[in-house]
Amino acid sequence: MDFKENGMEKYLVGQRLTEIKCASEEKNAVFLLFTSEEMDKKLSIPELKESLCHMPAVRDAHVCKAEVRGDYFYGTVVTPRYTQEEKKIAFSYLITENMLAICDDSGAVHSLVRHLMREKCNVNGSTGRTFYEILERLVSKDLHHLEKLEDQMVQMEDIALKGVSDNFNSRLMSLYKEVIEWMKYYIQLDDMVCELEENETGMFGNEEETLFHIFEKRTGRLLNESKLLREHCIQVRELFQAEIDIRQNGIMKILTIVTTVFLPLSLLTGWYGMNFTGMRELSWKYGYEAVIGAGFLIVCLSMWIMKKKKFW
């Protein structure tokens, strides 16, 4: 195989990954790792000359997918995660029986590969096993992240019970959107791994099929966890809305009591405000004091009735 010097990283897939220093070391299965910039330089790889033209560009990747073409798999992996440099973790891949090629612009896969080499992970000379190990480490910390999201929801739940409404909806919707993004990611990842597990090309052995099945089960558990978080988020939103309704009902109750108490007084003032000449109370010496007493009596009687009926 004739590699041009494009800064591409090349690894021999034996029992463990080992970096290829010179062309004479190239044998058996090979793992290629490069960036979009290096890929745009038209990598000269005879074995992949026809395949690389079908390898998706990372910059155009939006979903996790796996597709079959001839005797190889290709596709993309797009995660909701970002690097410290705020680059979205995403990569495209191409898998043949003797070669694994990954295009990674975020540097995440480069870091995972170095981690595999430090651990001296056994890849058993298989491109499928190598790809499985990369996927496995890609999701290794996802459960911990989902637990952090759950802790945030518990805090939001406490805020909802306290009735604090400052920026609550915007914070909750931001959290809800993040959970939905993770849920979609696991749905797509699960479909992708199922495609690899079906092994239409026949390039994977029983061991690789078993490993992809194990990864599918793990993805399914993460998907279920994300669905539970979505339901929890909806419950928190409903709880907050219920608390708002309770507070509004309390305000309306107070307004209703005040209106009920002073309604008879409004009737009294309206009645004597007609000023007919035949109304004897208007010329009565104690008429003003009598109206004050009647008003006070009406208010006390109304409040006593409401207290007895447990209106408050």
C-alpha atoms as a PDB file:
ATOM      1  CA  MET A   1       0.000   0.000   0.000  1.00  0.00           C
ATOM      2  CA  ASP A   2       1.345   3.425  -0.947  1.00  0.00           C
ATOM      3  CA  PHE A   3       0.545   6.106   1.618  1.00  0.00           C
ATOM      4  CA  LYS A   4       1.221   9.729   0.842  1.00  0.00           C
ATOM      5  CA  GLU A   5       2.466  11.867   3.689  1.00  0.00           C
ATOM      6  CA  ASN A   6      -0.681  13.832   4.528  1.00  0.00           C
ATOM      7  CA  GLY A   7      -0.424  13.794   8.321  1.00  0.00           C
ATOM      8  CA  MET A   8      -2.707  10.767   8.416  1.00  0.00           C
ATOM      9  CA  GLU A   9      -2.294   8.420  11.386  1.00  0.00           C
ATOM     10  CA  LYS A  10      -1.869   4.742  10.466  1.00  0.00           C
ATOM     11  CA  TYR A  11      -2.219   1.800  12.851  1.00  0.00           C
ATOM     12  CA  LEU A  12      -1.689  -1.927  12.461  1.00  0.00           C
ATOM     13  CA  VAL A  13      -4.675  -3.897  13.756  1.00  0.00           C
ATOM     14  CA  GLY A  14      -3.101  -6.928  15.422  1.00  0.00           C
ATOM     15  CA  GLN A  15      -3.797  -8.233  18.888  1.00  0.00           C
ATOM     16  CA  ARG A  16      -3.377  -4.594  19.847  1.00  0.00           C
ATOM     17  CA  LEU A  17      -3.227  -1.333  17.919  1.00  0.00           C
ATOM     18  CA  THR A  18       0.316  -0.350  16.996  1.00  0.00           C
ATOM     19  CA  GLU A  19       1.308   2.737  15.053  1.00  0.00           C
ATOM     20  CA  ILE A  20       2.780   2.095  11.593  1.00  0.00           C
ATOM     21  CA  LYS A  21       6.089   3.871  11.200  1.00  0.00           C
ATOM     22  CA  CYS A  22       6.994   2.721   7.693  1.00  0.00           C
ATOM     23  CA  ALA A  23       5.373   1.038   4.702  1.00  0.00           C
ATOM     24  CA  SER A  24       7.103  -2.280   5.389  1.00  0.00           C
ATOM     25  CA  GLU A  25       5.037  -2.649   8.574  1.00  0.00           C
ATOM     26  CA  GLU A  26       1.760  -2.622   6.640  1.00  0.00           C
ATOM     27  CA  LYS A  27       0.203  -6.032   6.788  1.00  0.00           C
ATOM     28  CA  ASN A  28      -3.038  -7.653   7.755  1.00  0.00           C
ATOM     29  CA  ALA A  29      -5.749  -5.198   8.886  1.00  0.00           C
ATOM     30  CA  VAL A  30      -5.024  -1.479   8.982  1.00  0.00           C
ATOM     31  CA  PHE A  31      -6.699   1.414  10.792  1.00  0.00           C
ATOM     32  CA  LEU A  32      -6.503   4.875   9.166  1.00  0.00           C
ATOM     33  CA  LEU A  33      -7.329   8.057  11.057  1.00  0.00           C
ATOM     34  CA  PHE A  34      -7.407  11.439   9.338  1.00  0.00           C
ATOM     35  CA  THR A  35      -9.222  14.783   9.187  1.00  0.00           C
ATOM     36  CA  SER A  36     -11.469  16.332   6.539  1.00  0.00           C
ATOM     37  CA  GLU A  37      -8.604  18.565   5.442  1.00  0.00           C
ATOM     38  CA  GLU A  38      -6.403  15.518   4.888  1.00  0.00           C
ATOM     39  CA  MET A  39      -9.258  13.719   3.152  1.00  0.00           C
ATOM     40  CA  ASP A  40      -9.713  16.662   0.764  1.00  0.00           C
ATOM     41  CA  LYS A  41      -6.124  16.174  -0.359  1.00  0.00           C
ATOM     42  CA  LYS A  42      -7.258  13.033  -2.232  1.00  0.00           C
ATOM     43  CA  LEU A  43      -5.623  10.348  -0.118  1.00  0.00           C
ATOM     44  CA  SER A  44      -3.843   7.830  -2.357  1.00  0.00           C
ATOM     45  CA  ILE A  45      -5.000   4.460  -1.030  1.00  0.00           C
ATOM     46  CA  PRO A  46      -5.422   1.927  -3.851  1.00  0.00           C
ATOM     47  CA  GLU A  47      -7.535  -0.465  -1.752  1.00  0.00           C
ATOM     48  CA  LEU A  48      -9.942   2.361  -0.860  1.00  0.00           C
ATOM     49  CA  LYS A  49      -9.769   4.430  -4.020  1.00  0.00           C
ATOM     50  CA  GLU A  50     -13.307   3.493  -5.041  1.00  0.00           C
ATOM     51  CA  SER A  51     -14.670   3.353  -1.488  1.00  0.00           C
ATOM     52  CA  LEU A  52     -13.440   6.707  -0.194  1.00  0.00           C
ATOM     53  CA  CYS A  53     -15.553   8.620  -2.715  1.00  0.00           C
ATOM     54  CA  HIS A  54     -18.632   7.259  -0.878  1.00  0.00           C
ATOM     55  CA  MET A  55     -17.292   8.100   2.587  1.00  0.00           C
ATOM     56  CA  PRO A  56     -19.475  10.925   3.993  1.00  0.00           C
ATOM     57  CA  ALA A  57     -17.848  14.239   4.844  1.00  0.00           C
ATOM     58  CA  VAL A  58     -17.868  15.040   8.555  1.00  0.00           C
ATOM     59  CA  ARG A  59     -18.938  18.643   7.926  1.00  0.00           C
ATOM     60  CA  ASP A  60     -22.130  17.350   6.272  1.00  0.00           C
ATOM     61  CA  ALA A  61     -22.915  14.779   8.987  1.00  0.00           C
ATOM     62  CA  HIS A  62     -26.126  15.332  10.953  1.00  0.00           C
ATOM     63  CA  VAL A  63     -27.182  11.851  12.139  1.00  0.00           C
ATOM     64  CA  CYS A  64     -25.760   8.490  13.165  1.00  0.00           C
ATOM     65  CA  LYS A  65     -26.137   5.977  10.352  1.00  0.00           C
ATOM     66  CA  ALA A  66     -24.636   2.881   8.743  1.00  0.00           C
ATOM     67  CA  GLU A  67     -25.070   1.939   5.110  1.00  0.00           C
ATOM     68  CA  VAL A  68     -23.892  -1.029   3.057  1.00  0.00           C
ATOM     69  CA  ARG A  69     -22.312  -0.720  -0.342  1.00  0.00           C
ATOM     70  CA  GLY A  70     -20.746  -3.742  -1.974  1.00  0.00           C
ATOM     71  CA  ASP A  71     -18.474  -5.419   0.563  1.00  0.00           C
ATOM     72  CA  TYR A  72     -18.035  -2.531   2.992  1.00  0.00           C
ATOM     73  CA  PHE A  73     -19.924  -0.408   5.538  1.00  0.00           C
ATOM     74  CA  TYR A  74     -19.808   3.375   5.705  1.00  0.00           C
ATOM     75  CA  GLY A  75     -21.627   6.020   7.683  1.00  0.00           C
ATOM     76  CA  THR A  76     -21.417   8.778  10.282  1.00  0.00           C
ATOM     77  CA  VAL A  77     -21.609   9.171  14.053  1.00  0.00           C
ATOM     78  CA  VAL A  78     -22.845  12.512  15.428  1.00  0.00           C
ATOM     79  CA  THR A  79     -23.036  12.939  19.197  1.00  0.00           C
ATOM     80  CA  PRO A  80     -24.627  15.715  21.318  1.00  0.00           C
ATOM     81  CA  ARG A  81     -21.259  16.238  23.000  1.00  0.00           C
ATOM     82  CA  TYR A  82     -18.759  19.032  22.372  1.00  0.00           C
ATOM     83  CA  THR A  83     -15.041  19.226  22.964  1.00  0.00           C
ATOM     84  CA  GLN A  84     -13.417  21.818  25.214  1.00  0.00           C
ATOM     85  CA  GLU A  85     -12.848  23.885  22.055  1.00  0.00           C
ATOM     86  CA  GLU A  86     -16.639  23.825  21.438  1.00  0.00           C
ATOM     87  CA  LYS A  87     -16.305  21.484  18.462  1.00  0.00           C
ATOM     88  CA  LYS A  88     -19.139  19.009  18.002  1.00  0.00           C
ATOM     89  CA  ILE A  89     -17.940  15.424  18.378  1.00  0.00           C
ATOM     90  CA  ALA A  90     -18.736  13.762  15.068  1.00  0.00           C
ATOM     91  CA  PHE A  91     -16.912  11.515  12.609  1.00  0.00           C
ATOM     92  CA  SER A  92     -17.447   9.475   9.479  1.00  0.00           C
ATOM     93  CA  TYR A  93     -16.202   5.940   8.983  1.00  0.00           C
ATOM     94  CA  LEU A  94     -15.649   3.223   6.414  1.00  0.00           C
ATOM     95  CA  ILE A  95     -15.170  -0.447   7.332  1.00  0.00           C
ATOM     96  CA  THR A  96     -13.857  -3.202   5.097  1.00  0.00           C
ATOM     97  CA  GLU A  97     -12.621  -6.635   6.098  1.00  0.00           C
ATOM     98  CA  ASN A  98      -9.004  -5.488   6.252  1.00  0.00           C
ATOM     99  CA  MET A  99      -9.292  -1.757   6.783  1.00  0.00           C
ATOM    100  CA  LEU A 100     -11.008   0.747   9.059  1.00  0.00           C
ATOM    101  CA  ALA A 101     -10.925   4.404   8.007  1.00  0.00           C
ATOM    102  CA  ILE A 102     -12.235   7.216  10.234  1.00  0.00           C
ATOM    103  CA  CYS A 103     -12.406  10.921   9.421  1.00  0.00           C
ATOM    104  CA  ASP A 104     -12.449  12.954  12.645  1.00  0.00           C
ATOM    105  CA  ASP A 105     -12.228  16.768  12.862  1.00  0.00           C
ATOM    106  CA  SER A 106     -13.006  17.151  16.572  1.00  0.00           C
ATOM    107  CA  GLY A 107     -10.006  15.158  17.791  1.00  0.00           C
ATOM    108  CA  ALA A 108     -12.245  12.959  19.960  1.00  0.00           C
ATOM    109  CA  VAL A 109     -11.469   9.732  18.079  1.00  0.00           C
ATOM    110  CA  HIS A 110      -7.757  10.586  18.078  1.00  0.00           C
ATOM    111  CA  SER A 111      -7.969  10.829  21.868  1.00  0.00           C
ATOM    112  CA  LEU A 112      -9.903   7.545  22.127  1.00  0.00           C
ATOM    113  CA  VAL A 113      -7.335   5.727  19.982  1.00  0.00           C
ATOM    114  CA  ARG A 114      -4.480   6.957  22.181  1.00  0.00           C
ATOM    115  CA  HIS A 115      -6.487   5.760  25.164  1.00  0.00           C
ATOM    116  CA  LEU A 116      -6.872   2.307  23.553  1.00  0.00           C
ATOM    117  CA  MET A 117      -3.141   2.120  22.965  1.00  0.00           C
ATOM    118  CA  ARG A 118      -2.326   3.112  26.557  1.00  0.00           C
ATOM    119  CA  GLU A 119      -4.683   0.422  27.828  1.00  0.00           C
ATOM    120  CA  LYS A 120      -3.179  -2.101  25.386  1.00  0.00           C
ATOM    121  CA  CYS A 121      -6.730  -3.072  24.462  1.00  0.00           C
ATOM    122  CA  ASN A 122      -7.083  -6.392  22.653  1.00  0.00           C
ATOM    123  CA  VAL A 123      -8.697  -5.825  19.232  1.00  0.00           C
ATOM    124  CA  ASN A 124      -7.900  -9.348  18.026  1.00  0.00           C
ATOM    125  CA  GLY A 125      -6.788  -8.249  14.553  1.00  0.00           C
ATOM    126  CA  SER A 126     -10.354  -7.245  13.595  1.00  0.00           C
ATOM    127  CA  THR A 127     -11.547  -3.949  12.121  1.00  0.00           C
ATOM    128  CA  GLY A 128     -15.024  -4.677  13.516  1.00  0.00           C
ATOM    129  CA  ARG A 129     -13.619  -5.227  17.023  1.00  0.00           C
ATOM    130  CA  THR A 130     -11.590  -2.010  16.723  1.00  0.00           C
ATOM    131  CA  PHE A 131     -14.685  -0.025  15.737  1.00  0.00           C
ATOM    132  CA  TYR A 132     -16.638  -1.602  18.611  1.00  0.00           C
ATOM    133  CA  GLU A 133     -13.960  -0.562  21.124  1.00  0.00           C
ATOM    134  CA  ILE A 134     -14.120   3.024  19.828  1.00  0.00           C
ATOM    135  CA  LEU A 135     -17.934   3.106  20.130  1.00  0.00           C
ATOM    136  CA  GLU A 136     -17.779   1.536  23.584  1.00  0.00           C
ATOM    137  CA  ARG A 137     -15.486   4.250  24.907  1.00  0.00           C
ATOM    138  CA  LEU A 138     -17.487   6.917  23.124  1.00  0.00           C
ATOM    139  CA  VAL A 139     -20.533   6.177  25.317  1.00  0.00           C
ATOM    140  CA  SER A 140     -18.638   5.087  28.440  1.00  0.00           C
ATOM    141  CA  LYS A 141     -19.405   8.340  30.319  1.00  0.00           C
ATOM    142  CA  ASP A 142     -22.893   8.908  28.930  1.00  0.00           C
ATOM    143  CA  LEU A 143     -24.697   7.370  31.901  1.00  0.00           C
ATOM    144  CA  HIS A 144     -22.846   9.711  34.251  1.00  0.00           C
ATOM    145  CA  HIS A 145     -23.914  12.677  32.103  1.00  0.00           C
ATOM    146  CA  LEU A 146     -27.553  11.510  32.124  1.00  0.00           C
ATOM    147  CA  GLU A 147     -27.363  11.263  35.924  1.00  0.00           C
ATOM    148  CA  LYS A 148     -26.208  14.901  36.013  1.00  0.00           C
ATOM    149  CA  LEU A 149     -29.218  15.869  33.901  1.00  0.00           C
ATOM    150  CA  GLU A 150     -31.450  14.003  36.345  1.00  0.00           C
ATOM    151  CA  ASP A 151     -29.896  15.915  39.272  1.00  0.00           C
ATOM    152  CA  GLN A 152     -30.670  19.177  37.466  1.00  0.00           C
ATOM    153  CA  MET A 153     -34.277  18.060  37.046  1.00  0.00           C
ATOM    154  CA  VAL A 154     -34.538  17.286  40.767  1.00  0.00           C
ATOM    155  CA  GLN A 155     -33.313  20.822  41.496  1.00  0.00           C
ATOM    156  CA  MET A 156     -35.854  22.220  39.038  1.00  0.00           C
ATOM    157  CA  GLU A 157     -38.531  20.175  40.794  1.00  0.00           C
ATOM    158  CA  ASP A 158     -37.625  21.760  44.134  1.00  0.00           C
ATOM    159  CA  ILE A 159     -37.769  25.203  42.520  1.00  0.00           C
ATOM    160  CA  ALA A 160     -41.210  24.400  41.094  1.00  0.00           C
ATOM    161  CA  LEU A 161     -42.506  23.384  44.529  1.00  0.00           C
ATOM    162  CA  LYS A 162     -41.233  26.656  45.986  1.00  0.00           C
ATOM    163  CA  GLY A 163     -43.113  28.553  43.290  1.00  0.00           C
ATOM    164  CA  VAL A 164     -40.036  30.474  42.110  1.00  0.00           C
ATOM    165  CA  SER A 165     -40.823  31.479  38.533  1.00  0.00           C
ATOM    166  CA  ASP A 166     -37.722  33.514  37.519  1.00  0.00           C
ATOM    167  CA  ASN A 167     -36.542  32.101  34.167  1.00  0.00           C
ATOM    168  CA  PHE A 168     -37.987  28.732  35.146  1.00  0.00           C
ATOM    169  CA  ASN A 169     -39.620  27.972  31.793  1.00  0.00           C
ATOM    170  CA  SER A 170     -36.551  28.950  29.755  1.00  0.00           C
ATOM    171  CA  ARG A 171     -34.264  26.824  31.953  1.00  0.00           C
ATOM    172  CA  LEU A 172     -36.631  23.873  31.845  1.00  0.00           C
ATOM    173  CA  MET A 173     -37.070  24.084  28.067  1.00  0.00           C
ATOM    174  CA  SER A 174     -33.303  24.221  27.610  1.00  0.00           C
ATOM    175  CA  LEU A 175     -32.973  21.074  29.716  1.00  0.00           C
ATOM    176  CA  TYR A 176     -35.848  19.408  27.842  1.00  0.00           C
ATOM    177  CA  LYS A 177     -34.244  20.133  24.460  1.00  0.00           C
ATOM    178  CA  GLU A 178     -30.952  18.639  25.633  1.00  0.00           C
ATOM    179  CA  VAL A 179     -32.694  15.465  26.802  1.00  0.00           C
ATOM    180  CA  ILE A 180     -34.529  15.181  23.462  1.00  0.00           C
ATOM    181  CA  GLU A 181     -31.214  15.587  21.640  1.00  0.00           C
ATOM    182  CA  TRP A 182     -29.682  12.724  23.629  1.00  0.00           C
ATOM    183  CA  MET A 183     -32.739  10.548  23.061  1.00  0.00           C
ATOM    184  CA  LYS A 184     -32.584  11.089  19.282  1.00  0.00           C
ATOM    185  CA  TYR A 185     -28.863  10.301  19.374  1.00  0.00           C
ATOM    186  CA  TYR A 186     -29.446   6.934  21.051  1.00  0.00           C
ATOM    187  CA  ILE A 187     -32.277   6.072  18.640  1.00  0.00           C
ATOM    188  CA  GLN A 188     -29.984   6.736  15.689  1.00  0.00           C
ATOM    189  CA  LEU A 189     -27.040   4.957  17.320  1.00  0.00           C
ATOM    190  CA  ASP A 190     -29.203   1.925  18.035  1.00  0.00           C
ATOM    191  CA  ASP A 191     -30.333   1.753  14.398  1.00  0.00           C
ATOM    192  CA  MET A 192     -26.739   2.092  13.218  1.00  0.00           C
ATOM    193  CA  VAL A 193     -25.465  -0.729  15.425  1.00  0.00           C
ATOM    194  CA  CYS A 194     -28.392  -2.958  14.363  1.00  0.00           C
ATOM    195  CA  GLU A 195     -27.279  -2.472  10.758  1.00  0.00           C
ATOM    196  CA  LEU A 196     -23.741  -3.525  11.669  1.00  0.00           C
ATOM    197  CA  GLU A 197     -25.033  -6.473  13.705  1.00  0.00           C
ATOM    198  CA  GLU A 198     -27.018  -7.774  10.730  1.00  0.00           C
ATOM    199  CA  ASN A 199     -23.663  -8.115   8.934  1.00  0.00           C
ATOM    200  CA  GLU A 200     -24.991  -8.095   5.380  1.00  0.00           C
ATOM    201  CA  THR A 201     -21.489  -8.129   3.918  1.00  0.00           C
ATOM    202  CA  GLY A 202     -20.459 -11.157   5.997  1.00  0.00           C
ATOM    203  CA  MET A 203     -17.174  -9.478   6.943  1.00  0.00           C
ATOM    204  CA  PHE A 204     -17.737  -9.803  10.700  1.00  0.00           C
ATOM    205  CA  GLY A 205     -17.283 -13.045  12.581  1.00  0.00           C
ATOM    206  CA  ASN A 206     -19.461 -14.374  15.394  1.00  0.00           C
ATOM    207  CA  GLU A 207     -17.380 -12.538  17.988  1.00  0.00           C
ATOM    208  CA  GLU A 208     -17.911  -9.170  16.312  1.00  0.00           C
ATOM    209  CA  GLU A 209     -21.648  -9.819  15.896  1.00  0.00           C
ATOM    210  CA  THR A 210     -21.874 -10.665  19.600  1.00  0.00           C
ATOM    211  CA  LEU A 211     -20.006  -7.476  20.548  1.00  0.00           C
ATOM    212  CA  PHE A 212     -22.291  -5.319  18.403  1.00  0.00           C
ATOM    213  CA  HIS A 213     -25.284  -7.064  20.014  1.00  0.00           C
ATOM    214  CA  ILE A 214     -23.891  -6.211  23.470  1.00  0.00           C
ATOM    215  CA  PHE A 215     -23.416  -2.601  22.395  1.00  0.00           C
ATOM    216  CA  GLU A 216     -26.979  -2.513  21.046  1.00  0.00           C
ATOM    217  CA  LYS A 217     -28.268  -3.631  24.456  1.00  0.00           C
ATOM    218  CA  ARG A 218     -26.224  -0.937  26.170  1.00  0.00           C
ATOM    219  CA  THR A 219     -27.529   1.703  23.766  1.00  0.00           C
ATOM    220  CA  GLY A 220     -31.052   0.476  24.457  1.00  0.00           C
ATOM    221  CA  ARG A 221     -30.554   0.989  28.200  1.00  0.00           C
ATOM    222  CA  LEU A 222     -29.238   4.494  27.628  1.00  0.00           C
ATOM    223  CA  LEU A 223     -32.214   5.182  25.358  1.00  0.00           C
ATOM    224  CA  ASN A 224     -34.616   4.033  28.068  1.00  0.00           C
ATOM    225  CA  GLU A 225     -32.840   6.258  30.586  1.00  0.00           C
ATOM    226  CA  SER A 226     -33.178   9.266  28.288  1.00  0.00           C
ATOM    227  CA  LYS A 227     -36.885   8.502  27.797  1.00  0.00           C
ATOM    228  CA  LEU A 228     -37.353   8.444  31.573  1.00  0.00           C
ATOM    229  CA  LEU A 229     -35.622  11.818  31.779  1.00  0.00           C
ATOM    230  CA  ARG A 230     -37.981  13.193  29.143  1.00  0.00           C
ATOM    231  CA  GLU A 231     -40.989  11.974  31.144  1.00  0.00           C
ATOM    232  CA  HIS A 232     -39.503  13.450  34.308  1.00  0.00           C
ATOM    233  CA  CYS A 233     -39.042  16.774  32.534  1.00  0.00           C
ATOM    234  CA  ILE A 234     -42.692  16.768  31.440  1.00  0.00           C
ATOM    235  CA  GLN A 235     -43.775  15.977  35.016  1.00  0.00           C
ATOM    236  CA  VAL A 236     -41.702  18.883  36.383  1.00  0.00           C
ATOM    237  CA  ARG A 237     -43.307  21.224  33.862  1.00  0.00           C
ATOM    238  CA  GLU A 238     -46.786  19.995  34.847  1.00  0.00           C
ATOM    239  CA  LEU A 239     -45.887  20.370  38.538  1.00  0.00           C
ATOM    240  CA  PHE A 240     -44.777  23.949  37.980  1.00  0.00           C
ATOM    241  CA  GLN A 241     -47.971  24.723  36.067  1.00  0.00           C
ATOM    242  CA  ALA A 242     -50.018  23.150  38.884  1.00  0.00           C
ATOM    243  CA  GLU A 243     -48.238  25.346  41.446  1.00  0.00           C
ATOM    244  CA  ILE A 244     -48.989  28.430  39.367  1.00  0.00           C
ATOM    245  CA  ASP A 245     -52.656  27.391  39.095  1.00  0.00           C
ATOM    246  CA  ILE A 246     -52.834  26.911  42.878  1.00  0.00           C
ATOM    247  CA  ARG A 247     -51.416  30.382  43.486  1.00  0.00           C
ATOM    248  CA  GLN A 248     -53.790  31.926  40.957  1.00  0.00           C
ATOM    249  CA  ASN A 249     -56.707  30.087  42.570  1.00  0.00           C
ATOM    250  CA  GLY A 250     -55.667  31.528  45.949  1.00  0.00           C
ATOM    251  CA  ILE A 251     -55.640  35.039  44.496  1.00  0.00           C
ATOM    252  CA  MET A 252     -59.046  34.510  42.862  1.00  0.00           C
ATOM    253  CA  LYS A 253     -60.391  33.159  46.167  1.00  0.00           C
ATOM    254  CA  ILE A 254     -59.348  36.336  47.990  1.00  0.00           C
ATOM    255  CA  LEU A 255     -60.878  38.520  45.270  1.00  0.00           C
ATOM    256  CA  THR A 256     -64.108  36.492  45.442  1.00  0.00           C
ATOM    257  CA  ILE A 257     -64.322  36.895  49.249  1.00  0.00           C
ATOM    258  CA  VAL A 258     -63.716  40.651  49.048  1.00  0.00           C
ATOM    259  CA  THR A 259     -66.320  40.993  46.291  1.00  0.00           C
ATOM    260  CA  THR A 260     -68.855  38.923  48.225  1.00  0.00           C
ATOM    261  CA  VAL A 261     -68.342  40.907  51.430  1.00  0.00           C
ATOM    262  CA  PHE A 262     -68.724  44.300  49.822  1.00  0.00           C
ATOM    263  CA  LEU A 263     -71.491  43.429  47.371  1.00  0.00           C
ATOM    264  CA  PRO A 264     -74.269  44.053  49.946  1.00  0.00           C
ATOM    265  CA  LEU A 265     -72.636  47.400  50.774  1.00  0.00           C
ATOM    266  CA  SER A 266     -72.703  48.304  47.081  1.00  0.00           C
ATOM    267  CA  LEU A 267     -76.396  47.442  47.029  1.00  0.00           C
ATOM    268  CA  LEU A 268     -76.974  49.594  50.122  1.00  0.00           C
ATOM    269  CA  THR A 269     -75.206  52.631  48.701  1.00  0.00           C
ATOM    270  CA  GLY A 270     -76.926  52.197  45.348  1.00  0.00           C
ATOM    271  CA  TRP A 271     -80.327  51.917  47.027  1.00  0.00           C
ATOM    272  CA  TYR A 272     -80.000  55.071  49.089  1.00  0.00           C
ATOM    273  CA  GLY A 273     -78.194  56.888  46.320  1.00  0.00           C
ATOM    274  CA  MET A 274     -81.486  57.190  44.374  1.00  0.00           C
ATOM    275  CA  ASN A 275     -82.471  60.221  46.531  1.00  0.00           C
ATOM    276  CA  PHE A 276     -86.229  59.917  46.119  1.00  0.00           C
ATOM    277  CA  THR A 277     -88.187  62.567  48.076  1.00  0.00           C
ATOM    278  CA  GLY A 278     -90.277  59.900  49.780  1.00  0.00           C
ATOM    279  CA  MET A 279     -87.278  58.184  51.416  1.00  0.00           C
ATOM    280  CA  ARG A 280     -87.706  59.022  55.120  1.00  0.00           C
ATOM    281  CA  GLU A 281     -84.229  57.758  56.043  1.00  0.00           C
ATOM    282  CA  LEU A 282     -82.648  60.618  54.151  1.00  0.00           C
ATOM    283  CA  SER A 283     -84.092  63.181  56.565  1.00  0.00           C
ATOM    284  CA  TRP A 284     -83.731  61.009  59.700  1.00  0.00           C
ATOM    285  CA  LYS A 285     -81.484  62.457  62.375  1.00  0.00           C
ATOM    286  CA  TYR A 286     -79.625  59.162  62.945  1.00  0.00           C
ATOM    287  CA  GLY A 287     -79.705  57.944  59.302  1.00  0.00           C
ATOM    288  CA  TYR A 288     -75.934  58.294  58.755  1.00  0.00           C
ATOM    289  CA  GLU A 289     -75.051  56.370  61.915  1.00  0.00           C
ATOM    290  CA  ALA A 290     -77.672  53.732  61.073  1.00  0.00           C
ATOM    291  CA  VAL A 291     -76.143  53.120  57.625  1.00  0.00           C
ATOM    292  CA  ILE A 292     -72.662  52.809  59.175  1.00  0.00           C
ATOM    293  CA  GLY A 293     -73.957  50.287  61.714  1.00  0.00           C
ATOM    294  CA  ALA A 294     -75.850  48.348  59.052  1.00  0.00           C
ATOM    295  CA  GLY A 295     -72.745  48.234  56.860  1.00  0.00           C
ATOM    296  CA  PHE A 296     -70.562  47.029  59.752  1.00  0.00           C
ATOM    297  CA  LEU A 297     -73.152  44.398  60.677  1.00  0.00           C
ATOM    298  CA  ILE A 298     -73.360  43.172  57.058  1.00  0.00           C
ATOM    299  CA  VAL A 299     -69.561  42.824  56.815  1.00  0.00           C
ATOM    300  CA  CYS A 300     -69.322  40.929  60.123  1.00  0.00           C
ATOM    301  CA  LEU A 301     -72.232  38.646  59.199  1.00  0.00           C
ATOM    302  CA  SER A 302     -70.757  37.902  55.762  1.00  0.00           C
ATOM    303  CA  MET A 303     -67.355  37.042  57.196  1.00  0.00           C
ATOM    304  CA  TRP A 304     -68.884  34.862  59.926  1.00  0.00           C
ATOM    305  CA  ILE A 305     -70.863  32.902  57.316  1.00  0.00           C
ATOM    306  CA  MET A 306     -67.758  32.402  55.145  1.00  0.00           C
ATOM    307  CA  LYS A 307     -65.729  31.296  58.150  1.00  0.00           C
ATOM    308  CA  LYS A 308     -68.416  28.831  59.126  1.00  0.00           C
ATOM    309  CA  LYS A 309     -68.600  27.462  55.575  1.00  0.00           C
ATOM    310  CA  LYS A 310     -64.752  27.211  55.578  1.00  0.00           C
ATOM    311  CA  PHE A 311     -64.351  29.422  52.532  1.00  0.00           C
ATOM    312  CA  TRP A 312     -60.878  30.255  53.918  1.00  0.00           C
END
